[in-house]
């Protein structure tokens, strides 16, 4: 995303800088102002200095906008926390959290605690049954809620296909924070 913003900024800058050559209907070719045209830039050196100053101001503005966008991207990245948890052990197989490590544990059949390195009590939780690799996931039900005893944790419960029997099942958990 950052590279994309840098490229877009560079393209905008290049378009702005090249537009002064076409401002008075002068372009490529042998016409006035083009290669071999023999005429100097309209306004002479003072006009060129004014254009350079204007372009420098535009560059500074674009650099500020790129920095702002980079900050917004970093903020969005920090809002996304997730974990893929093994149903047999409760161990986290893969995860992401800008705050640090994500850990998991299995308390009993189908009952798991996933802990993030930050307060997630004010976040939204979404969980789905899903294998940690490429096998078919368990067919069943899943519930997710905040942990009343730990603001850094989320409780996940998995059940068989009747929804009545707690059953170990691997899952994917997403925690989105403001």
Protein backbone atom coordinates (compact mmCIF):
# COMPACT_ATOMS: atom_id res chain seq x y z
CA UNK A 1 0.00 0.00 0.00
CA UNK A 2 2.86 2.36 0.87
CA UNK A 3 4.57 1.67 -2.46
CA UNK A 4 1.28 2.37 -4.23
CA UNK A 5 0.99 5.76 -2.51
CA UNK A 6 4.58 6.65 -3.43
CA UNK A 7 3.98 5.70 -7.07
CA UNK A 8 0.74 7.72 -7.23
CA UNK A 9 2.50 10.72 -5.68
CA UNK A 10 5.33 10.41 -8.21
CA UNK A 11 2.90 10.23 -11.11
CA UNK A 12 1.03 13.30 -9.88
CA UNK A 13 4.31 15.15 -9.51
CA UNK A 14 5.47 14.15 -12.99
CA UNK A 15 2.15 15.20 -14.52
CA UNK A 16 2.29 18.56 -12.77
CA UNK A 17 5.88 19.24 -13.76
CA UNK A 18 5.29 18.29 -17.37
CA UNK A 19 2.09 20.32 -17.68
CA UNK A 20 4.01 23.62 -17.77
CA UNK A 21 5.50 22.63 -21.12
CA UNK A 22 2.01 22.34 -22.59
CA UNK A 23 0.41 25.31 -20.82
CA UNK A 24 0.67 27.66 -23.78
CA UNK A 25 -0.10 25.05 -26.44
CA UNK A 26 3.54 24.08 -26.77
CA UNK A 27 4.32 20.42 -26.95
CA UNK A 28 6.69 17.98 -28.48
CA UNK A 29 7.82 18.43 -32.01
CA UNK A 30 9.36 21.27 -33.93
CA UNK A 31 6.83 23.97 -32.97
CA UNK A 32 7.58 26.95 -30.77
CA UNK A 33 8.97 25.85 -27.43
CA UNK A 34 9.65 22.33 -28.68
CA UNK A 35 13.02 20.92 -29.67
CA UNK A 36 14.70 23.22 -32.15
CA UNK A 37 11.97 25.88 -31.75
CA UNK A 38 14.48 28.61 -31.02
CA UNK A 39 12.20 30.53 -28.63
CA UNK A 40 12.82 30.88 -24.90
CA UNK A 41 10.26 29.97 -22.23
CA UNK A 42 7.47 32.54 -21.93
CA UNK A 43 8.37 35.01 -19.19
CA UNK A 44 12.08 34.19 -19.33
CA UNK A 45 14.09 33.26 -16.26
CA UNK A 46 11.81 35.05 -13.72
CA UNK A 47 8.81 33.10 -15.08
CA UNK A 48 10.73 29.85 -14.81
CA UNK A 49 11.74 30.65 -11.22
CA UNK A 50 8.09 31.27 -10.33
CA UNK A 51 7.11 27.93 -11.81
CA UNK A 52 9.90 26.13 -9.92
CA UNK A 53 8.74 27.71 -6.64
CA UNK A 54 5.14 26.70 -7.35
CA UNK A 55 6.25 23.15 -8.16
CA UNK A 56 8.31 22.98 -4.96
CA UNK A 57 5.21 24.04 -3.00
CA UNK A 58 3.19 21.34 -4.74
CA UNK A 59 5.87 18.75 -3.92
CA UNK A 60 5.76 19.72 -0.25
CA UNK A 61 1.96 19.46 -0.26
CA UNK A 62 2.07 16.02 -1.88
CA UNK A 63 4.71 14.82 0.59
CA UNK A 64 2.45 15.91 3.45
CA UNK A 65 -0.51 14.08 1.94
CA UNK A 66 1.55 10.90 1.47
CA UNK A 67 2.68 11.07 5.11
CA UNK A 68 -0.95 11.48 6.22
CA UNK A 69 -2.04 8.48 4.13
CA UNK A 70 0.81 6.37 5.52
CA UNK A 71 -0.38 7.20 9.04
CA UNK A 72 -3.94 6.21 8.14
CA UNK A 73 -2.74 2.89 6.70
CA UNK A 74 -0.77 2.18 9.89
CA UNK A 75 -3.88 2.94 11.96
CA UNK A 76 -5.98 0.54 9.88
CA UNK A 77 -3.33 -2.17 10.17
CA UNK A 78 -3.36 -1.85 13.96
CA UNK A 79 -7.14 -2.39 14.08
CA UNK A 80 -6.95 -5.87 12.57
CA UNK A 81 -6.11 -8.76 14.91
CA UNK A 82 -6.65 -12.40 14.05
CA UNK A 83 -5.72 -15.96 14.97
CA UNK A 84 -6.04 -19.44 13.51
CA UNK A 85 -6.37 -21.89 16.42
CA UNK A 86 -5.91 -25.67 16.52
CA UNK A 87 -8.98 -27.36 18.03
CA UNK A 88 -7.13 -30.29 19.59
CA UNK A 89 -4.66 -28.21 21.63
CA UNK A 90 -5.89 -24.61 21.58
CA UNK A 91 -2.49 -23.54 20.20
CA UNK A 92 -2.36 -20.56 17.86
CA UNK A 93 -1.09 -21.73 14.45
CA UNK A 94 -1.00 -18.34 12.70
CA UNK A 95 -1.86 -14.86 13.92
CA UNK A 96 -1.47 -11.12 13.50
CA UNK A 97 -1.66 -8.38 16.09
CA UNK A 98 0.23 -5.11 15.92
CA UNK A 99 0.33 -5.11 19.73
CA UNK A 100 2.37 -8.31 19.95
CA UNK A 101 2.00 -12.04 20.42
CA UNK A 102 -1.31 -13.89 20.35
CA UNK A 103 -1.68 -17.00 22.52
CA UNK A 104 -4.37 -19.61 22.85
CA UNK A 105 -5.36 -22.37 25.23
CA UNK A 106 -7.97 -25.13 25.42
CA UNK A 107 -9.83 -25.13 28.75
CA UNK A 108 -12.02 -28.18 28.04
CA UNK A 109 -13.74 -29.90 25.10
CA UNK A 110 -14.73 -27.16 22.66
CA UNK A 111 -13.80 -24.28 25.02
CA UNK A 112 -10.90 -21.98 24.14
CA UNK A 113 -9.34 -18.76 25.35
CA UNK A 114 -7.44 -16.59 22.85
CA UNK A 115 -5.35 -13.79 24.37
CA UNK A 116 -4.06 -10.73 22.52
CA UNK A 117 -1.35 -8.38 23.78
CA UNK A 118 -3.87 -5.54 24.13
CA UNK A 119 -7.29 -4.71 25.50
CA UNK A 120 -9.86 -6.15 23.07
CA UNK A 121 -12.92 -5.69 25.30
CA UNK A 122 -14.30 -2.88 23.09
CA UNK A 123 -13.74 -4.73 19.82
CA UNK A 124 -15.91 -6.80 17.49
CA UNK A 125 -15.32 -10.57 17.37
CA UNK A 126 -16.04 -12.90 14.47
CA UNK A 127 -15.19 -16.60 14.52
CA UNK A 128 -15.76 -19.42 12.08
CA UNK A 129 -14.93 -23.09 12.11
CA UNK A 130 -11.97 -23.68 9.85
CA UNK A 131 -9.07 -26.06 9.55
CA UNK A 132 -5.56 -24.81 10.34
CA UNK A 133 -4.31 -26.29 7.06
CA UNK A 134 -6.12 -27.58 4.00
CA UNK A 135 -8.39 -30.31 5.42
CA UNK A 136 -12.16 -29.98 5.60
CA UNK A 137 -13.29 -28.18 8.77
CA UNK A 138 -15.63 -29.56 11.41
CA UNK A 139 -19.32 -29.20 10.62
CA UNK A 140 -20.89 -27.60 13.64
CA UNK A 141 -21.51 -24.41 15.55
CA UNK A 142 -19.26 -21.78 17.07
CA UNK A 143 -19.83 -19.02 19.64
CA UNK A 144 -17.52 -16.15 20.52
CA UNK A 145 -17.56 -13.56 23.31
CA UNK A 146 -15.31 -11.34 25.35
CA UNK A 147 -13.70 -12.86 28.45
CA UNK A 148 -15.30 -11.31 31.54
CA UNK A 149 -12.16 -12.03 33.56
CA UNK A 150 -9.55 -10.70 31.10
CA UNK A 151 -9.94 -7.65 28.81
CA UNK A 152 -7.16 -9.01 26.55
CA UNK A 153 -8.94 -12.32 25.86
CA UNK A 154 -11.75 -13.74 23.77
CA UNK A 155 -13.64 -16.94 24.63
CA UNK A 156 -14.56 -19.28 21.78
CA UNK A 157 -16.83 -22.34 22.07
CA UNK A 158 -17.22 -24.99 19.36
CA UNK A 159 -20.05 -27.56 19.16
CA UNK A 160 -20.99 -30.54 17.01
CA UNK A 161 -23.53 -30.26 14.19
CA UNK A 162 -26.46 -30.49 16.65
CA UNK A 163 -25.18 -27.45 18.53
CA UNK A 164 -25.61 -29.29 21.82
CA UNK A 165 -22.36 -31.18 22.40
CA UNK A 166 -19.12 -29.24 23.00
CA UNK A 167 -16.66 -30.61 20.45
CA UNK A 168 -13.07 -29.66 19.72
CA UNK A 169 -12.85 -27.78 16.46
CA UNK A 170 -10.20 -25.63 14.84
CA UNK A 171 -11.29 -22.08 14.08
CA UNK A 172 -10.38 -18.73 12.63
CA UNK A 173 -10.94 -15.68 14.87
CA UNK A 174 -10.98 -12.05 13.74
CA UNK A 175 -10.95 -9.17 16.23
CA UNK A 176 -11.53 -5.71 14.80
CA UNK A 177 -10.87 -2.77 17.10
CA UNK A 178 -11.65 0.95 16.79
